[in-house]
Amino acid sequence: MNILDIASAALQLSGSALALTAAIGVLRFKDTLSRMHSATKPQVIGLILVLAGATIRLRHDSDVGVLILTGSFTIITAPVIAHRVGRLAYHEQDLRDLLTTDQLESDVPDEREAG
């Protein structure tokens, strides 16, 4: 067992731990915005760490290319999905009490003032 194997194992274990904490956060948090935060940030960082560990372990050009492509796709799509889920939750649920600054206030008419 050499130093690269130890580094690979450390990256994969830490990435797996981050993914586990993200899953626990999704189950334990109450509101949609907190769950969305837990589902995106630690999950993406955990996946990148696992992919980095796998890249160190595999060391073949074709395998590394696929791992880089997978990580890039995740980094590109996760913020877009989180943004869309957040806007959908804002429009479908009354989340105005949870927000300290409501930047979408001009986009949605306030039913409380209209009624």
PDB file of N, CA and C in Angstrom:
ATOM      1  N   MET A   1       0.854  -1.176   0.000  1.00  0.00           N
ATOM      2  CA  MET A   1       0.000   0.000   0.000  1.00  0.00           C
ATOM      3  C   MET A   1       0.897   1.235   0.000  1.00  0.00           C
ATOM      4  N   ASN A   2       0.758   2.066  -1.020  1.00  0.00           N
ATOM      5  CA  ASN A   2       1.600   3.250  -1.112  1.00  0.00           C
ATOM      6  C   ASN A   2       0.814   4.506  -0.736  1.00  0.00           C
ATOM      7  N   ILE A   3       1.451   5.651  -0.851  1.00  0.00           N
ATOM      8  CA  ILE A   3       0.862   6.925  -0.433  1.00  0.00           C
ATOM      9  C   ILE A   3      -0.334   7.315  -1.297  1.00  0.00           C
ATOM     10  N   LEU A   4      -0.318   6.947  -2.590  1.00  0.00           N
ATOM     11  CA  LEU A   4      -1.449   7.272  -3.452  1.00  0.00           C
ATOM     12  C   LEU A   4      -2.701   6.490  -3.063  1.00  0.00           C
ATOM     13  N   ASP A   5      -2.525   5.248  -2.652  1.00  0.00           N
ATOM     14  CA  ASP A   5      -3.667   4.460  -2.194  1.00  0.00           C
ATOM     15  C   ASP A   5      -4.265   5.044  -0.910  1.00  0.00           C
ATOM     16  N   ILE A   6      -3.420   5.514  -0.031  1.00  0.00           N
ATOM     17  CA  ILE A   6      -3.892   6.122   1.211  1.00  0.00           C
ATOM     18  C   ILE A   6      -4.622   7.426   0.918  1.00  0.00           C
ATOM     19  N   ALA A   7      -4.077   8.234   0.013  1.00  0.00           N
ATOM     20  CA  ALA A   7      -4.736   9.493  -0.365  1.00  0.00           C
ATOM     21  C   ALA A   7      -6.075   9.216  -1.035  1.00  0.00           C
ATOM     22  N   SER A   8      -6.122   8.225  -1.899  1.00  0.00           N
ATOM     23  CA  SER A   8      -7.368   7.850  -2.566  1.00  0.00           C
ATOM     24  C   SER A   8      -8.415   7.397  -1.558  1.00  0.00           C
ATOM     25  N   ALA A   9      -8.017   6.562  -0.617  1.00  0.00           N
ATOM     26  CA  ALA A   9      -8.950   6.083   0.401  1.00  0.00           C
ATOM     27  C   ALA A   9      -9.442   7.224   1.278  1.00  0.00           C
ATOM     28  N   ALA A  10      -8.558   8.150   1.624  1.00  0.00           N
ATOM     29  CA  ALA A  10      -8.954   9.291   2.457  1.00  0.00           C
ATOM     30  C   ALA A  10      -9.955  10.180   1.724  1.00  0.00           C
ATOM     31  N   LEU A  11      -9.711  10.446   0.444  1.00  0.00           N
ATOM     32  CA  LEU A  11     -10.644  11.254  -0.335  1.00  0.00           C
ATOM     33  C   LEU A  11     -11.996  10.563  -0.474  1.00  0.00           C
ATOM     34  N   GLN A  12     -11.981   9.276  -0.743  1.00  0.00           N
ATOM     35  CA  GLN A  12     -13.241   8.553  -0.914  1.00  0.00           C
ATOM     36  C   GLN A  12     -14.022   8.461   0.391  1.00  0.00           C
ATOM     37  N   LEU A  13     -13.341   8.250   1.502  1.00  0.00           N
ATOM     38  CA  LEU A  13     -14.040   8.184   2.787  1.00  0.00           C
ATOM     39  C   LEU A  13     -14.593   9.540   3.202  1.00  0.00           C
ATOM     40  N   SER A  14     -13.832  10.600   2.996  1.00  0.00           N
ATOM     41  CA  SER A  14     -14.342  11.928   3.354  1.00  0.00           C
ATOM     42  C   SER A  14     -15.495  12.342   2.445  1.00  0.00           C
ATOM     43  N   GLY A  15     -15.428  12.016   1.176  1.00  0.00           N
ATOM     44  CA  GLY A  15     -16.538  12.297   0.266  1.00  0.00           C
ATOM     45  C   GLY A  15     -17.778  11.509   0.628  1.00  0.00           C
ATOM     46  N   SER A  16     -17.597  10.261   1.023  1.00  0.00           N
ATOM     47  CA  SER A  16     -18.730   9.444   1.452  1.00  0.00           C
ATOM     48  C   SER A  16     -19.345   9.985   2.732  1.00  0.00           C
ATOM     49  N   ALA A  17     -18.518  10.484   3.639  1.00  0.00           N
ATOM     50  CA  ALA A  17     -19.031  11.075   4.877  1.00  0.00           C
ATOM     51  C   ALA A  17     -19.840  12.338   4.579  1.00  0.00           C
ATOM     52  N   LEU A  18     -19.375  13.158   3.646  1.00  0.00           N
ATOM     53  CA  LEU A  18     -20.136  14.339   3.269  1.00  0.00           C
ATOM     54  C   LEU A  18     -21.466  13.968   2.619  1.00  0.00           C
ATOM     55  N   ALA A  19     -21.466  12.960   1.774  1.00  0.00           N
ATOM     56  CA  ALA A  19     -22.709  12.512   1.154  1.00  0.00           C
ATOM     57  C   ALA A  19     -23.677  11.966   2.204  1.00  0.00           C
ATOM     58  N   LEU A  20     -23.151  11.279   3.205  1.00  0.00           N
ATOM     59  CA  LEU A  20     -23.997  10.777   4.286  1.00  0.00           C
ATOM     60  C   LEU A  20     -24.611  11.921   5.083  1.00  0.00           C
ATOM     61  N   THR A  21     -23.812  12.942   5.402  1.00  0.00           N
ATOM     62  CA  THR A  21     -24.369  14.081   6.133  1.00  0.00           C
ATOM     63  C   THR A  21     -25.414  14.820   5.304  1.00  0.00           C
ATOM     64  N   ALA A  22     -25.229  14.863   3.992  1.00  0.00           N
ATOM     65  CA  ALA A  22     -26.239  15.486   3.133  1.00  0.00           C
ATOM     66  C   ALA A  22     -27.539  14.697   3.179  1.00  0.00           C
ATOM     67  N   ALA A  23     -27.452  13.392   3.141  1.00  0.00           N
ATOM     68  CA  ALA A  23     -28.660  12.559   3.197  1.00  0.00           C
ATOM     69  C   ALA A  23     -29.364  12.703   4.542  1.00  0.00           C
ATOM     70  N   ILE A  24     -28.599  12.751   5.620  1.00  0.00           N
ATOM     71  CA  ILE A  24     -29.201  12.941   6.944  1.00  0.00           C
ATOM     72  C   ILE A  24     -29.856  14.315   7.028  1.00  0.00           C
ATOM     73  N   GLY A  25     -29.214  15.327   6.464  1.00  0.00           N
ATOM     74  CA  GLY A  25     -29.794  16.670   6.458  1.00  0.00           C
ATOM     75  C   GLY A  25     -31.093  16.742   5.694  1.00  0.00           C
ATOM     76  N   VAL A  26     -31.174  16.054   4.580  1.00  0.00           N
ATOM     77  CA  VAL A  26     -32.422  16.044   3.812  1.00  0.00           C
ATOM     78  C   VAL A  26     -33.550  15.420   4.630  1.00  0.00           C
ATOM     79  N   LEU A  27     -33.240  14.401   5.395  1.00  0.00           N
ATOM     80  CA  LEU A  27     -34.262  13.749   6.211  1.00  0.00           C
ATOM     81  C   LEU A  27     -34.646  14.566   7.448  1.00  0.00           C
ATOM     82  N   ARG A  28     -33.695  15.269   8.031  1.00  0.00           N
ATOM     83  CA  ARG A  28     -33.949  15.917   9.322  1.00  0.00           C
ATOM     84  C   ARG A  28     -34.426  17.360   9.237  1.00  0.00           C
ATOM     85  N   PHE A  29     -34.061  18.087   8.198  1.00  0.00           N
ATOM     86  CA  PHE A  29     -34.463  19.490   8.126  1.00  0.00           C
ATOM     87  C   PHE A  29     -35.948  19.608   7.840  1.00  0.00           C
ATOM     88  N   LYS A  30     -36.536  20.703   8.331  1.00  0.00           N
ATOM     89  CA  LYS A  30     -37.991  20.861   8.270  1.00  0.00           C
ATOM     90  C   LYS A  30     -38.477  21.471   6.968  1.00  0.00           C
ATOM     91  N   ASP A  31     -37.846  22.546   6.532  1.00  0.00           N
ATOM     92  CA  ASP A  31     -38.386  23.286   5.392  1.00  0.00           C
ATOM     93  C   ASP A  31     -37.615  22.991   4.106  1.00  0.00           C
ATOM     94  N   THR A  32     -38.207  23.364   3.013  1.00  0.00           N
ATOM     95  CA  THR A  32     -37.673  23.054   1.694  1.00  0.00           C
ATOM     96  C   THR A  32     -36.333  23.725   1.442  1.00  0.00           C
ATOM     97  N   LEU A  33     -36.189  24.965   1.860  1.00  0.00           N
ATOM     98  CA  LEU A  33     -34.934  25.675   1.593  1.00  0.00           C
ATOM     99  C   LEU A  33     -33.754  25.043   2.329  1.00  0.00           C
ATOM    100  N   SER A  34     -33.961  24.616   3.557  1.00  0.00           N
ATOM    101  CA  SER A  34     -32.881  23.948   4.299  1.00  0.00           C
ATOM    102  C   SER A  34     -32.551  22.598   3.679  1.00  0.00           C
ATOM    103  N   ARG A  35     -33.571  21.878   3.276  1.00  0.00           N
ATOM    104  CA  ARG A  35     -33.336  20.581   2.619  1.00  0.00           C
ATOM    105  C   ARG A  35     -32.603  20.758   1.302  1.00  0.00           C
ATOM    106  N   MET A  36     -32.962  21.800   0.565  1.00  0.00           N
ATOM    107  CA  MET A  36     -32.315  22.053  -0.716  1.00  0.00           C
ATOM    108  C   MET A  36     -30.834  22.376  -0.504  1.00  0.00           C
ATOM    109  N   HIS A  37     -30.528  23.153   0.514  1.00  0.00           N
ATOM    110  CA  HIS A  37     -29.135  23.483   0.821  1.00  0.00           C
ATOM    111  C   HIS A  37     -28.357  22.209   1.168  1.00  0.00           C
ATOM    112  N   SER A  38     -28.968  21.367   1.980  1.00  0.00           N
ATOM    113  CA  SER A  38     -28.310  20.120   2.374  1.00  0.00           C
ATOM    114  C   SER A  38     -28.152  19.168   1.194  1.00  0.00           C
ATOM    115  N   ALA A  39     -29.088  19.195   0.289  1.00  0.00           N
ATOM    116  CA  ALA A  39     -29.036  18.266  -0.841  1.00  0.00           C
ATOM    117  C   ALA A  39     -28.027  18.684  -1.902  1.00  0.00           C
ATOM    118  N   THR A  40     -27.672  19.952  -1.959  1.00  0.00           N
ATOM    119  CA  THR A  40     -26.788  20.383  -3.042  1.00  0.00           C
ATOM    120  C   THR A  40     -25.338  20.555  -2.605  1.00  0.00           C
ATOM    121  N   LYS A  41     -25.075  21.369  -1.611  1.00  0.00           N
ATOM    122  CA  LYS A  41     -23.682  21.721  -1.309  1.00  0.00           C
ATOM    123  C   LYS A  41     -22.844  20.546  -0.818  1.00  0.00           C
ATOM    124  N   PRO A  42     -23.197  19.885   0.288  1.00  0.00           N
ATOM    125  CA  PRO A  42     -22.323  18.785   0.715  1.00  0.00           C
ATOM    126  C   PRO A  42     -22.348  17.595  -0.240  1.00  0.00           C
ATOM    127  N   GLN A  43     -23.472  17.405  -0.919  1.00  0.00           N
ATOM    128  CA  GLN A  43     -23.569  16.285  -1.845  1.00  0.00           C
ATOM    129  C   GLN A  43     -22.603  16.463  -3.021  1.00  0.00           C
ATOM    130  N   VAL A  44     -22.559  17.663  -3.576  1.00  0.00           N
ATOM    131  CA  VAL A  44     -21.672  17.915  -4.719  1.00  0.00           C
ATOM    132  C   VAL A  44     -20.207  17.835  -4.292  1.00  0.00           C
ATOM    133  N   ILE A  45     -19.875  18.443  -3.173  1.00  0.00           N
ATOM    134  CA  ILE A  45     -18.485  18.389  -2.701  1.00  0.00           C
ATOM    135  C   ILE A  45     -18.094  16.951  -2.367  1.00  0.00           C
ATOM    136  N   GLY A  46     -19.009  16.200  -1.765  1.00  0.00           N
ATOM    137  CA  GLY A  46     -18.737  14.796  -1.468  1.00  0.00           C
ATOM    138  C   GLY A  46     -18.501  13.988  -2.727  1.00  0.00           C
ATOM    139  N   LEU A  47     -19.318  14.228  -3.753  1.00  0.00           N
ATOM    140  CA  LEU A  47     -19.135  13.507  -5.016  1.00  0.00           C
ATOM    141  C   LEU A  47     -17.803  13.862  -5.660  1.00  0.00           C
ATOM    142  N   ILE A  48     -17.427  15.131  -5.620  1.00  0.00           N
ATOM    143  CA  ILE A  48     -16.153  15.543  -6.206  1.00  0.00           C
ATOM    144  C   ILE A  48     -14.989  14.873  -5.467  1.00  0.00           C
ATOM    145  N   LEU A  49     -15.080  14.779  -4.152  1.00  0.00           N
ATOM    146  CA  LEU A  49     -14.017  14.109  -3.392  1.00  0.00           C
ATOM    147  C   LEU A  49     -13.935  12.624  -3.737  1.00  0.00           C
ATOM    148  N   VAL A  50     -15.088  11.972  -3.861  1.00  0.00           N
ATOM    149  CA  VAL A  50     -15.098  10.546  -4.232  1.00  0.00           C
ATOM    150  C   VAL A  50     -14.516  10.363  -5.634  1.00  0.00           C
ATOM    151  N   LEU A  51     -14.891  11.238  -6.561  1.00  0.00           N
ATOM    152  CA  LEU A  51     -14.360  11.145  -7.922  1.00  0.00           C
ATOM    153  C   LEU A  51     -12.855  11.419  -7.956  1.00  0.00           C
ATOM    154  N   ALA A  52     -12.393  12.355  -7.123  1.00  0.00           N
ATOM    155  CA  ALA A  52     -10.951  12.620  -7.064  1.00  0.00           C
ATOM    156  C   ALA A  52     -10.207  11.401  -6.528  1.00  0.00           C
ATOM    157  N   GLY A  53     -10.767  10.764  -5.508  1.00  0.00           N
ATOM    158  CA  GLY A  53     -10.147   9.540  -4.991  1.00  0.00           C
ATOM    159  C   GLY A  53     -10.127   8.422  -6.017  1.00  0.00           C
ATOM    160  N   ALA A  54     -11.220   8.300  -6.766  1.00  0.00           N
ATOM    161  CA  ALA A  54     -11.266   7.274  -7.811  1.00  0.00           C
ATOM    162  C   ALA A  54     -10.288   7.592  -8.940  1.00  0.00           C
ATOM    163  N   THR A  55     -10.114   8.882  -9.238  1.00  0.00           N
ATOM    164  CA  THR A  55      -9.165   9.286 -10.274  1.00  0.00           C
ATOM    165  C   THR A  55      -7.737   8.914  -9.873  1.00  0.00           C
ATOM    166  N   ILE A  56      -7.396   9.147  -8.621  1.00  0.00           N
ATOM    167  CA  ILE A  56      -6.051   8.780  -8.142  1.00  0.00           C
ATOM    168  C   ILE A  56      -5.861   7.266  -8.219  1.00  0.00           C
ATOM    169  N   ARG A  57      -6.888   6.534  -7.894  1.00  0.00           N
ATOM    170  CA  ARG A  57      -6.794   5.068  -7.857  1.00  0.00           C
ATOM    171  C   ARG A  57      -6.720   4.462  -9.261  1.00  0.00           C
ATOM    172  N   LEU A  58      -7.515   4.975 -10.199  1.00  0.00           N
ATOM    173  CA  LEU A  58      -7.591   4.353 -11.528  1.00  0.00           C
ATOM    174  C   LEU A  58      -6.406   4.720 -12.426  1.00  0.00           C
ATOM    175  N   ARG A  59      -6.124   5.988 -12.564  1.00  0.00           N
ATOM    176  CA  ARG A  59      -4.980   6.493 -13.327  1.00  0.00           C
ATOM    177  C   ARG A  59      -4.952   6.110 -14.807  1.00  0.00           C
ATOM    178  N   HIS A  60      -6.065   5.745 -15.412  1.00  0.00           N
ATOM    179  CA  HIS A  60      -6.113   5.475 -16.849  1.00  0.00           C
ATOM    180  C   HIS A  60      -6.794   6.648 -17.539  1.00  0.00           C
ATOM    181  N   ASP A  61      -6.321   6.965 -18.747  1.00  0.00           N
ATOM    182  CA  ASP A  61      -6.814   8.144 -19.442  1.00  0.00           C
ATOM    183  C   ASP A  61      -8.319   8.104 -19.690  1.00  0.00           C
ATOM    184  N   SER A  62      -8.825   6.982 -20.169  1.00  0.00           N
ATOM    185  CA  SER A  62     -10.259   6.912 -20.485  1.00  0.00           C
ATOM    186  C   SER A  62     -11.108   6.958 -19.215  1.00  0.00           C
ATOM    187  N   ASP A  63     -10.658   6.306 -18.160  1.00  0.00           N
ATOM    188  CA  ASP A  63     -11.403   6.323 -16.897  1.00  0.00           C
ATOM    189  C   ASP A  63     -11.401   7.717 -16.282  1.00  0.00           C
ATOM    190  N   VAL A  64     -10.263   8.363 -16.281  1.00  0.00           N
ATOM    191  CA  VAL A  64     -10.146   9.700 -15.710  1.00  0.00           C
ATOM    192  C   VAL A  64     -10.996  10.685 -16.503  1.00  0.00           C
ATOM    193  N   GLY A  65     -11.037  10.534 -17.808  1.00  0.00           N
ATOM    194  CA  GLY A  65     -11.872  11.402 -18.641  1.00  0.00           C
ATOM    195  C   GLY A  65     -13.344  11.300 -18.297  1.00  0.00           C
ATOM    196  N   VAL A  66     -13.811  10.089 -18.080  1.00  0.00           N
ATOM    197  CA  VAL A  66     -15.213   9.890 -17.707  1.00  0.00           C
ATOM    198  C   VAL A  66     -15.485  10.469 -16.320  1.00  0.00           C
ATOM    199  N   LEU A  67     -14.558  10.317 -15.390  1.00  0.00           N
ATOM    200  CA  LEU A  67     -14.737  10.865 -14.050  1.00  0.00           C
ATOM    201  C   LEU A  67     -14.744  12.391 -14.071  1.00  0.00           C
ATOM    202  N   ILE A  68     -13.887  12.990 -14.868  1.00  0.00           N
ATOM    203  CA  ILE A  68     -13.871  14.449 -15.001  1.00  0.00           C
ATOM    204  C   ILE A  68     -15.167  14.933 -15.638  1.00  0.00           C
ATOM    205  N   LEU A  69     -15.645  14.226 -16.634  1.00  0.00           N
ATOM    206  CA  LEU A  69     -16.914  14.581 -17.271  1.00  0.00           C
ATOM    207  C   LEU A  69     -18.071  14.488 -16.281  1.00  0.00           C
ATOM    208  N   THR A  70     -18.087  13.450 -15.458  1.00  0.00           N
ATOM    209  CA  THR A  70     -19.131  13.285 -14.449  1.00  0.00           C
ATOM    210  C   THR A  70     -19.088  14.412 -13.425  1.00  0.00           C
ATOM    211  N   GLY A  71     -17.903  14.744 -12.942  1.00  0.00           N
ATOM    212  CA  GLY A  71     -17.772  15.837 -11.984  1.00  0.00           C
ATOM    213  C   GLY A  71     -18.163  17.176 -12.578  1.00  0.00           C
ATOM    214  N   SER A  72     -17.770  17.429 -13.817  1.00  0.00           N
ATOM    215  CA  SER A  72     -18.127  18.684 -14.483  1.00  0.00           C
ATOM    216  C   SER A  72     -19.631  18.802 -14.670  1.00  0.00           C
ATOM    217  N   PHE A  73     -20.263  17.717 -15.074  1.00  0.00           N
ATOM    218  CA  PHE A  73     -21.708  17.733 -15.271  1.00  0.00           C
ATOM    219  C   PHE A  73     -22.427  18.008 -13.954  1.00  0.00           C
ATOM    220  N   THR A  74     -21.947  17.435 -12.879  1.00  0.00           N
ATOM    221  CA  THR A  74     -22.556  17.662 -11.566  1.00  0.00           C
ATOM    222  C   THR A  74     -22.379  19.104 -11.117  1.00  0.00           C
ATOM    223  N   ILE A  75     -21.183  19.651 -11.302  1.00  0.00           N
ATOM    224  CA  ILE A  75     -20.925  21.028 -10.897  1.00  0.00           C
ATOM    225  C   ILE A  75     -21.772  22.008 -11.711  1.00  0.00           C
ATOM    226  N   ILE A  76     -22.012  21.705 -12.967  1.00  0.00           N
ATOM    227  CA  ILE A  76     -22.802  22.593 -13.816  1.00  0.00           C
ATOM    228  C   ILE A  76     -24.287  22.491 -13.498  1.00  0.00           C
ATOM    229  N   THR A  77     -24.805  21.291 -13.282  1.00  0.00           N
ATOM    230  CA  THR A  77     -26.247  21.122 -13.143  1.00  0.00           C
ATOM    231  C   THR A  77     -26.777  21.312 -11.730  1.00  0.00           C
ATOM    232  N   ALA A  78     -26.004  21.051 -10.699  1.00  0.00           N
ATOM    233  CA  ALA A  78     -26.513  21.142  -9.320  1.00  0.00           C
ATOM    234  C   ALA A  78     -26.997  22.541  -8.951  1.00  0.00           C
ATOM    235  N   PRO A  79     -26.265  23.619  -9.257  1.00  0.00           N
ATOM    236  CA  PRO A  79     -26.793  24.939  -8.918  1.00  0.00           C
ATOM    237  C   PRO A  79     -28.062  25.305  -9.688  1.00  0.00           C
ATOM    238  N   VAL A  80     -28.160  24.868 -10.925  1.00  0.00           N
ATOM    239  CA  VAL A  80     -29.352  25.160 -11.723  1.00  0.00           C
ATOM    240  C   VAL A  80     -30.563  24.439 -11.139  1.00  0.00           C
ATOM    241  N   ILE A  81     -30.394  23.192 -10.772  1.00  0.00           N
ATOM    242  CA  ILE A  81     -31.494  22.430 -10.180  1.00  0.00           C
ATOM    243  C   ILE A  81     -31.896  23.032  -8.839  1.00  0.00           C
ATOM    244  N   ALA A  82     -30.918  23.417  -8.019  1.00  0.00           N
ATOM    245  CA  ALA A  82     -31.231  24.025  -6.723  1.00  0.00           C
ATOM    246  C   ALA A  82     -31.972  25.346  -6.902  1.00  0.00           C
ATOM    247  N   HIS A  83     -31.574  26.122  -7.887  1.00  0.00           N
ATOM    248  CA  HIS A  83     -32.255  27.383  -8.164  1.00  0.00           C
ATOM    249  C   HIS A  83     -33.709  27.155  -8.569  1.00  0.00           C
ATOM    250  N   ARG A  84     -33.925  26.191  -9.438  1.00  0.00           N
ATOM    251  CA  ARG A  84     -35.297  25.910  -9.899  1.00  0.00           C
ATOM    252  C   ARG A  84     -36.163  25.365  -8.761  1.00  0.00           C
ATOM    253  N   VAL A  85     -35.610  24.495  -7.938  1.00  0.00           N
ATOM    254  CA  VAL A  85     -36.360  23.956  -6.804  1.00  0.00           C
ATOM    255  C   VAL A  85     -36.691  25.066  -5.815  1.00  0.00           C
ATOM    256  N   GLY A  86     -35.743  25.958  -5.570  1.00  0.00           N
ATOM    257  CA  GLY A  86     -35.980  27.072  -4.663  1.00  0.00           C
ATOM    258  C   GLY A  86     -37.067  28.001  -5.159  1.00  0.00           C
ATOM    259  N   ARG A  87     -37.057  28.317  -6.436  1.00  0.00           N
ATOM    260  CA  ARG A  87     -38.115  29.185  -6.987  1.00  0.00           C
ATOM    261  C   ARG A  87     -39.467  28.489  -6.961  1.00  0.00           C
ATOM    262  N   LEU A  88     -39.485  27.212  -7.267  1.00  0.00           N
ATOM    263  CA  LEU A  88     -40.738  26.469  -7.223  1.00  0.00           C
ATOM    264  C   LEU A  88     -41.289  26.415  -5.794  1.00  0.00           C
ATOM    265  N   ALA A  89     -40.412  26.183  -4.836  1.00  0.00           N
ATOM    266  CA  ALA A  89     -40.845  26.159  -3.435  1.00  0.00           C
ATOM    267  C   ALA A  89     -41.344  27.528  -3.006  1.00  0.00           C
ATOM    268  N   TYR A  90     -40.693  28.576  -3.468  1.00  0.00           N
ATOM    269  CA  TYR A  90     -41.122  29.928  -3.122  1.00  0.00           C
ATOM    270  C   TYR A  90     -42.519  30.206  -3.667  1.00  0.00           C
ATOM    271  N   HIS A  91     -42.774  29.788  -4.896  1.00  0.00           N
ATOM    272  CA  HIS A  91     -44.075  30.056  -5.511  1.00  0.00           C
ATOM    273  C   HIS A  91     -45.179  29.144  -4.980  1.00  0.00           C
ATOM    274  N   GLU A  92     -44.840  27.916  -4.616  1.00  0.00           N
ATOM    275  CA  GLU A  92     -45.851  26.962  -4.172  1.00  0.00           C
ATOM    276  C   GLU A  92     -46.149  27.042  -2.680  1.00  0.00           C
ATOM    277  N   GLN A  93     -45.176  27.437  -1.886  1.00  0.00           N
ATOM    278  CA  GLN A  93     -45.347  27.487  -0.438  1.00  0.00           C
ATOM    279  C   GLN A  93     -45.170  28.922   0.040  1.00  0.00           C
ATOM    280  N   ASP A  94     -45.629  29.198   1.226  1.00  0.00           N
ATOM    281  CA  ASP A  94     -45.456  30.524   1.792  1.00  0.00           C
ATOM    282  C   ASP A  94     -44.164  30.543   2.603  1.00  0.00           C
ATOM    283  N   LEU A  95     -43.070  30.894   1.949  1.00  0.00           N
ATOM    284  CA  LEU A  95     -41.755  30.890   2.582  1.00  0.00           C
ATOM    285  C   LEU A  95     -41.304  32.280   2.989  1.00  0.00           C
ATOM    286  N   ARG A  96     -42.170  33.260   2.877  1.00  0.00           N
ATOM    287  CA  ARG A  96     -41.757  34.646   3.151  1.00  0.00           C
ATOM    288  C   ARG A  96     -41.370  34.852   4.603  1.00  0.00           C
ATOM    289  N   ASP A  97     -41.936  34.073   5.513  1.00  0.00           N
ATOM    290  CA  ASP A  97     -41.594  34.225   6.925  1.00  0.00           C
ATOM    291  C   ASP A  97     -40.194  33.688   7.237  1.00  0.00           C
ATOM    292  N   LEU A  98     -39.689  32.778   6.403  1.00  0.00           N
ATOM    293  CA  LEU A  98     -38.365  32.194   6.637  1.00  0.00           C
ATOM    294  C   LEU A  98     -37.231  33.061   6.110  1.00  0.00           C
ATOM    295  N   LEU A  99     -37.532  33.947   5.169  1.00  0.00           N
ATOM    296  CA  LEU A  99     -36.496  34.716   4.489  1.00  0.00           C
ATOM    297  C   LEU A  99     -36.186  36.012   5.231  1.00  0.00           C
ATOM    298  N   THR A 100     -34.916  36.347   5.341  1.00  0.00           N
ATOM    299  CA  THR A 100     -34.549  37.632   5.919  1.00  0.00           C
ATOM    300  C   THR A 100     -34.631  38.731   4.865  1.00  0.00           C
ATOM    301  N   THR A 101     -34.296  38.411   3.625  1.00  0.00           N
ATOM    302  CA  THR A 101     -34.416  39.335   2.506  1.00  0.00           C
ATOM    303  C   THR A 101     -35.191  38.634   1.405  1.00  0.00           C
ATOM    304  N   ASP A 102     -36.298  39.227   1.003  1.00  0.00           N
ATOM    305  CA  ASP A 102     -37.142  38.627  -0.033  1.00  0.00           C
ATOM    306  C   ASP A 102     -36.832  39.281  -1.370  1.00  0.00           C
ATOM    307  N   GLN A 103     -35.960  38.655  -2.160  1.00  0.00           N
ATOM    308  CA  GLN A 103     -35.564  39.218  -3.438  1.00  0.00           C
ATOM    309  C   GLN A 103     -36.571  38.912  -4.546  1.00  0.00           C
ATOM    310  N   LEU A 104     -37.483  38.005  -4.306  1.00  0.00           N
ATOM    311  CA  LEU A 104     -38.491  37.658  -5.308  1.00  0.00           C
ATOM    312  C   LEU A 104     -39.823  38.345  -5.038  1.00  0.00           C
ATOM    313  N   GLU A 105     -39.851  39.285  -4.123  1.00  0.00           N
ATOM    314  CA  GLU A 105     -41.096  39.928  -3.733  1.00  0.00           C
ATOM    315  C   GLU A 105     -41.773  40.626  -4.907  1.00  0.00           C
ATOM    316  N   SER A 106     -40.991  41.221  -5.792  1.00  0.00           N
ATOM    317  CA  SER A 106     -41.580  41.920  -6.940  1.00  0.00           C
ATOM    318  C   SER A 106     -42.106  40.952  -7.998  1.00  0.00           C
ATOM    319  N   ASP A 107     -41.659  39.695  -7.995  1.00  0.00           N
ATOM    320  CA  ASP A 107     -42.101  38.719  -8.984  1.00  0.00           C
ATOM    321  C   ASP A 107     -43.463  38.123  -8.670  1.00  0.00           C
ATOM    322  N   VAL A 108     -43.818  38.062  -7.401  1.00  0.00           N
ATOM    323  CA  VAL A 108     -45.044  37.379  -6.980  1.00  0.00           C
ATOM    324  C   VAL A 108     -45.938  38.363  -6.251  1.00  0.00           C
ATOM    325  N   PRO A 109     -47.196  38.488  -6.672  1.00  0.00           N
ATOM    326  CA  PRO A 109     -48.107  39.350  -5.919  1.00  0.00           C
ATOM    327  C   PRO A 109     -48.409  38.749  -4.550  1.00  0.00           C
ATOM    328  N   ASP A 110     -48.528  39.592  -3.563  1.00  0.00           N
ATOM    329  CA  ASP A 110     -48.788  39.137  -2.206  1.00  0.00           C
ATOM    330  C   ASP A 110     -50.284  38.961  -2.024  1.00  0.00           C
ATOM    331  N   GLU A 111     -50.708  37.704  -1.818  1.00  0.00           N
ATOM    332  CA  GLU A 111     -52.129  37.417  -1.678  1.00  0.00           C
ATOM    333  C   GLU A 111     -52.700  37.988  -0.390  1.00  0.00           C
ATOM    334  N   ARG A 112     -51.856  38.159   0.625  1.00  0.00           N
ATOM    335  CA  ARG A 112     -52.325  38.704   1.893  1.00  0.00           C
ATOM    336  C   ARG A 112     -52.748  40.151   1.748  1.00  0.00           C
ATOM    337  N   GLU A 113     -52.034  40.920   0.896  1.00  0.00           N
ATOM    338  CA  GLU A 113     -52.383  42.333   0.683  1.00  0.00           C
ATOM    339  C   GLU A 113     -53.566  42.447  -0.269  1.00  0.00           C
ATOM    340  N   ALA A 114     -53.681  41.533  -1.241  1.00  0.00           N
ATOM    341  CA  ALA A 114     -54.753  41.612  -2.228  1.00  0.00           C
ATOM    342  C   ALA A 114     -56.098  41.218  -1.634  1.00  0.00           C
ATOM    343  N   GLY A 115     -56.111  40.333  -0.640  1.00  0.00           N
ATOM    344  CA  GLY A 115     -57.348  39.788  -0.109  1.00  0.00           C
ATOM    345  C   GLY A 115     -57.831  40.542   1.040  1.00  0.00           C
TER     346      GLY A 115
END
